[in-house]
Amino acid sequence: MLTAQMRDLIAHHSLGLVATVTPEGAPAVSPKGTFLIHDDRTLAFSNIRSPGTVRNIAHNPAVEVNFIDVLHRTACRIRGAARLCTAAELPDGLHGRFTEKWPQLAGMMKGFVLIEVADAKFLRSPVYDIGEDADALARHWSAYYKSLAEG
């Protein structure tokens, strides 16, 4: 389900914007910075400070996650069903990958969310339709964000 292009984007831009639905039926979007890919059909993130997201998933497991590469103006949209779990319930080796990648956060991880991917789409900005080049876009947006950082 996840293509190599999507896997690469997620691996390099692991901040995912997770959309859920509240028990009252309102949309809710929350950034999660600890995403890992387990396999082509499963993503996971750790619950560090996610009481609203956890509550929403317990009520309705339907989620959509967006990962964005702001430099190349590409993204992936992942839709699926989320499941709350403990470290012991994670697939083999996944807990170790979390603690290895984010050792400073390991003690704060209260649980995990596994997302079974139902649909995945790779998205490109419409600027590609008019001939823009990925490398040129990356140079332009890198310079732009660098100027913002330098004030």
C-alpha atoms as a PDB file:
ATOM      1  CA  MET A   1       0.000   0.000   0.000  1.00  0.00           C
ATOM      2  CA  LEU A   2       2.822   2.455   0.833  1.00  0.00           C
ATOM      3  CA  THR A   3       5.061   3.016  -2.173  1.00  0.00           C
ATOM      4  CA  ALA A   4       8.813   3.514  -1.905  1.00  0.00           C
ATOM      5  CA  GLN A   5       8.247   7.231  -2.605  1.00  0.00           C
ATOM      6  CA  MET A   6       5.781   7.475   0.300  1.00  0.00           C
ATOM      7  CA  ARG A   7       8.032   5.497   2.635  1.00  0.00           C
ATOM      8  CA  ASP A   8      10.911   7.840   1.840  1.00  0.00           C
ATOM      9  CA  LEU A   9       8.828  10.962   2.447  1.00  0.00           C
ATOM     10  CA  ILE A  10       7.532   9.628   5.791  1.00  0.00           C
ATOM     11  CA  ALA A  11      10.998   8.500   6.896  1.00  0.00           C
ATOM     12  CA  HIS A  12      12.434  11.976   6.257  1.00  0.00           C
ATOM     13  CA  HIS A  13       9.387  13.962   7.410  1.00  0.00           C
ATOM     14  CA  SER A  14       8.041  11.930  10.339  1.00  0.00           C
ATOM     15  CA  LEU A  15       5.789  14.700  11.654  1.00  0.00           C
ATOM     16  CA  GLY A  16       2.311  13.520  10.752  1.00  0.00           C
ATOM     17  CA  LEU A  17      -0.858  15.574  11.075  1.00  0.00           C
ATOM     18  CA  VAL A  18      -3.425  13.135  12.456  1.00  0.00           C
ATOM     19  CA  ALA A  19      -7.091  13.860  11.767  1.00  0.00           C
ATOM     20  CA  THR A  20      -9.659  12.223  14.032  1.00  0.00           C
ATOM     21  CA  VAL A  21     -13.306  12.841  14.925  1.00  0.00           C
ATOM     22  CA  THR A  22     -14.328  13.819  18.454  1.00  0.00           C
ATOM     23  CA  PRO A  23     -17.153  11.976  20.245  1.00  0.00           C
ATOM     24  CA  GLU A  24     -19.242  15.088  19.529  1.00  0.00           C
ATOM     25  CA  GLY A  25     -18.610  14.685  15.788  1.00  0.00           C
ATOM     26  CA  ALA A  26     -16.189  17.587  15.338  1.00  0.00           C
ATOM     27  CA  PRO A  27     -12.986  17.225  13.302  1.00  0.00           C
ATOM     28  CA  ALA A  28      -9.703  17.342  15.207  1.00  0.00           C
ATOM     29  CA  VAL A  29      -6.164  17.550  13.819  1.00  0.00           C
ATOM     30  CA  SER A  30      -3.082  17.028  15.947  1.00  0.00           C
ATOM     31  CA  PRO A  31       0.617  16.851  14.993  1.00  0.00           C
ATOM     32  CA  LYS A  32       2.500  13.715  16.033  1.00  0.00           C
ATOM     33  CA  GLY A  33       6.276  13.717  15.723  1.00  0.00           C
ATOM     34  CA  THR A  34       7.137  10.085  16.435  1.00  0.00           C
ATOM     35  CA  PHE A  35       5.877   8.220  13.385  1.00  0.00           C
ATOM     36  CA  LEU A  36       7.518   5.004  12.253  1.00  0.00           C
ATOM     37  CA  ILE A  37       6.690   2.726   9.356  1.00  0.00           C
ATOM     38  CA  HIS A  38       6.278  -0.885  10.456  1.00  0.00           C
ATOM     39  CA  ASP A  39       5.514  -2.294   7.002  1.00  0.00           C
ATOM     40  CA  ASP A  40       3.713  -1.326   3.787  1.00  0.00           C
ATOM     41  CA  ARG A  41       0.354  -1.506   5.547  1.00  0.00           C
ATOM     42  CA  THR A  42       1.123  -0.311   9.084  1.00  0.00           C
ATOM     43  CA  LEU A  43       2.250   2.998  10.598  1.00  0.00           C
ATOM     44  CA  ALA A  44       2.725   3.739  14.283  1.00  0.00           C
ATOM     45  CA  PHE A  45       3.270   6.682  16.591  1.00  0.00           C
ATOM     46  CA  SER A  46       3.811   6.965  20.322  1.00  0.00           C
ATOM     47  CA  ASN A  47       1.327   8.531  22.695  1.00  0.00           C
ATOM     48  CA  ILE A  48       3.340  11.099  24.598  1.00  0.00           C
ATOM     49  CA  ARG A  49       0.889  13.928  25.088  1.00  0.00           C
ATOM     50  CA  SER A  50      -2.183  12.904  23.098  1.00  0.00           C
ATOM     51  CA  PRO A  51      -5.211  12.663  25.397  1.00  0.00           C
ATOM     52  CA  GLY A  52      -7.621  14.090  22.817  1.00  0.00           C
ATOM     53  CA  THR A  53      -6.338  11.928  19.977  1.00  0.00           C
ATOM     54  CA  VAL A  54      -6.441   8.805  22.165  1.00  0.00           C
ATOM     55  CA  ARG A  55      -9.978   9.619  23.291  1.00  0.00           C
ATOM     56  CA  ASN A  56     -11.105  10.197  19.717  1.00  0.00           C
ATOM     57  CA  ILE A  57      -9.551   6.956  18.446  1.00  0.00           C
ATOM     58  CA  ALA A  58     -11.160   4.990  21.279  1.00  0.00           C
ATOM     59  CA  HIS A  59     -14.506   6.423  20.159  1.00  0.00           C
ATOM     60  CA  ASN A  60     -13.908   6.152  16.388  1.00  0.00           C
ATOM     61  CA  PRO A  61     -10.803   4.442  14.964  1.00  0.00           C
ATOM     62  CA  ALA A  62     -11.028   6.161  11.555  1.00  0.00           C
ATOM     63  CA  VAL A  63      -8.016   8.431  10.983  1.00  0.00           C
ATOM     64  CA  GLU A  64      -6.298  10.286   8.209  1.00  0.00           C
ATOM     65  CA  VAL A  65      -2.643  11.292   8.431  1.00  0.00           C
ATOM     66  CA  ASN A  66      -0.828  13.782   6.232  1.00  0.00           C
ATOM     67  CA  PHE A  67       2.942  13.983   5.900  1.00  0.00           C
ATOM     68  CA  ILE A  68       4.301  17.034   4.086  1.00  0.00           C
ATOM     69  CA  ASP A  69       7.647  17.723   2.442  1.00  0.00           C
ATOM     70  CA  VAL A  70       7.511  21.523   2.406  1.00  0.00           C
ATOM     71  CA  LEU A  71      10.720  21.853   0.381  1.00  0.00           C
ATOM     72  CA  HIS A  72       9.693  19.656  -2.554  1.00  0.00           C
ATOM     73  CA  ARG A  73       5.972  20.509  -2.252  1.00  0.00           C
ATOM     74  CA  THR A  74       4.890  16.881  -2.012  1.00  0.00           C
ATOM     75  CA  ALA A  75       2.869  14.987   0.567  1.00  0.00           C
ATOM     76  CA  CYS A  76       1.164  11.710   1.337  1.00  0.00           C
ATOM     77  CA  ARG A  77      -2.313  11.214   2.618  1.00  0.00           C
ATOM     78  CA  ILE A  78      -2.849   8.000   4.565  1.00  0.00           C
ATOM     79  CA  ARG A  79      -6.300   6.815   5.588  1.00  0.00           C
ATOM     80  CA  GLY A  80      -6.957   3.880   7.867  1.00  0.00           C
ATOM     81  CA  ALA A  81      -8.071   2.457  11.177  1.00  0.00           C
ATOM     82  CA  ALA A  82      -6.126   3.217  14.345  1.00  0.00           C
ATOM     83  CA  ARG A  83      -5.702   0.951  17.329  1.00  0.00           C
ATOM     84  CA  LEU A  84      -4.365   1.883  20.753  1.00  0.00           C
ATOM     85  CA  CYS A  85      -1.823  -0.541  22.211  1.00  0.00           C
ATOM     86  CA  THR A  86       0.854  -1.009  24.836  1.00  0.00           C
ATOM     87  CA  ALA A  87       4.544  -1.621  24.153  1.00  0.00           C
ATOM     88  CA  ALA A  88       3.965  -5.352  24.702  1.00  0.00           C
ATOM     89  CA  GLU A  89       1.272  -5.362  22.017  1.00  0.00           C
ATOM     90  CA  LEU A  90       3.464  -3.767  19.337  1.00  0.00           C
ATOM     91  CA  PRO A  91       4.703  -5.951  16.477  1.00  0.00           C
ATOM     92  CA  ASP A  92       8.137  -7.492  17.031  1.00  0.00           C
ATOM     93  CA  GLY A  93      10.971  -4.987  17.181  1.00  0.00           C
ATOM     94  CA  LEU A  94       8.837  -1.865  16.870  1.00  0.00           C
ATOM     95  CA  HIS A  95       9.154  -0.765  20.499  1.00  0.00           C
ATOM     96  CA  GLY A  96      12.939  -0.975  20.235  1.00  0.00           C
ATOM     97  CA  ARG A  97      12.854   1.193  17.123  1.00  0.00           C
ATOM     98  CA  PHE A  98      10.877   3.861  19.019  1.00  0.00           C
ATOM     99  CA  THR A  99      13.283   3.910  21.961  1.00  0.00           C
ATOM    100  CA  GLU A 100      16.319   3.855  19.671  1.00  0.00           C
ATOM    101  CA  LYS A 101      15.090   6.762  17.532  1.00  0.00           C
ATOM    102  CA  TRP A 102      13.767   8.857  20.447  1.00  0.00           C
ATOM    103  CA  PRO A 103      15.702   7.745  23.571  1.00  0.00           C
ATOM    104  CA  GLN A 104      15.087  11.068  25.326  1.00  0.00           C
ATOM    105  CA  LEU A 105      11.304  10.544  24.979  1.00  0.00           C
ATOM    106  CA  ALA A 106      11.166   6.818  25.815  1.00  0.00           C
ATOM    107  CA  GLY A 107      10.127   7.386  29.429  1.00  0.00           C
ATOM    108  CA  MET A 108       7.288   9.662  28.313  1.00  0.00           C
ATOM    109  CA  MET A 109       5.744   7.144  25.883  1.00  0.00           C
ATOM    110  CA  LYS A 110       2.447   6.154  27.548  1.00  0.00           C
ATOM    111  CA  GLY A 111       1.344   3.842  24.763  1.00  0.00           C
ATOM    112  CA  PHE A 112       1.248   3.562  21.018  1.00  0.00           C
ATOM    113  CA  VAL A 113      -1.122   3.886  18.111  1.00  0.00           C
ATOM    114  CA  LEU A 114      -0.987   1.450  15.200  1.00  0.00           C
ATOM    115  CA  ILE A 115      -2.646   2.526  11.970  1.00  0.00           C
ATOM    116  CA  GLU A 116      -3.720  -0.121   9.485  1.00  0.00           C
ATOM    117  CA  VAL A 117      -3.459   1.606   6.105  1.00  0.00           C
ATOM    118  CA  ALA A 118      -6.628   1.335   4.012  1.00  0.00           C
ATOM    119  CA  ASP A 119      -5.654   3.913   1.381  1.00  0.00           C
ATOM    120  CA  ALA A 120      -2.518   5.893   0.607  1.00  0.00           C
ATOM    121  CA  LYS A 121      -1.979   8.621  -1.945  1.00  0.00           C
ATOM    122  CA  PHE A 122       1.147  10.503  -2.948  1.00  0.00           C
ATOM    123  CA  LEU A 123       0.371  14.170  -3.656  1.00  0.00           C
ATOM    124  CA  ARG A 124       2.295  16.740  -5.670  1.00  0.00           C
ATOM    125  CA  SER A 125       1.768  20.470  -5.873  1.00  0.00           C
ATOM    126  CA  PRO A 126       0.082  21.774  -9.015  1.00  0.00           C
ATOM    127  CA  VAL A 127       3.331  23.651  -9.767  1.00  0.00           C
ATOM    128  CA  TYR A 128       4.669  20.353 -11.127  1.00  0.00           C
ATOM    129  CA  ASP A 129       1.910  20.505 -13.770  1.00  0.00           C
ATOM    130  CA  ILE A 130       3.446  23.690 -15.158  1.00  0.00           C
ATOM    131  CA  GLY A 131       6.972  22.285 -15.311  1.00  0.00           C
ATOM    132  CA  GLU A 132       8.525  23.103 -11.945  1.00  0.00           C
ATOM    133  CA  ASP A 133      11.494  20.957 -10.965  1.00  0.00           C
ATOM    134  CA  ALA A 134      11.830  19.258  -7.553  1.00  0.00           C
ATOM    135  CA  ASP A 135      15.431  20.393  -7.058  1.00  0.00           C
ATOM    136  CA  ALA A 136      14.597  23.997  -7.974  1.00  0.00           C
ATOM    137  CA  LEU A 137      11.659  23.974  -5.578  1.00  0.00           C
ATOM    138  CA  ALA A 138      13.860  22.613  -2.794  1.00  0.00           C
ATOM    139  CA  ARG A 139      16.461  25.346  -3.381  1.00  0.00           C
ATOM    140  CA  HIS A 140      13.790  28.065  -3.415  1.00  0.00           C
ATOM    141  CA  TRP A 141      11.977  26.908  -0.276  1.00  0.00           C
ATOM    142  CA  SER A 142      15.226  26.154   1.579  1.00  0.00           C
ATOM    143  CA  ALA A 143      16.329  29.738   1.002  1.00  0.00           C
ATOM    144  CA  TYR A 144      12.926  31.020   2.060  1.00  0.00           C
ATOM    145  CA  TYR A 145      12.874  29.054   5.363  1.00  0.00           C
ATOM    146  CA  LYS A 146      16.515  29.933   6.040  1.00  0.00           C
ATOM    147  CA  SER A 147      15.643  33.628   5.703  1.00  0.00           C
ATOM    148  CA  LEU A 148      12.787  33.184   8.165  1.00  0.00           C
ATOM    149  CA  ALA A 149      15.069  31.437  10.655  1.00  0.00           C
ATOM    150  CA  GLU A 150      17.675  34.169  10.413  1.00  0.00           C
ATOM    151  CA  GLY A 151      15.026  36.820  11.029  1.00  0.00           C
END
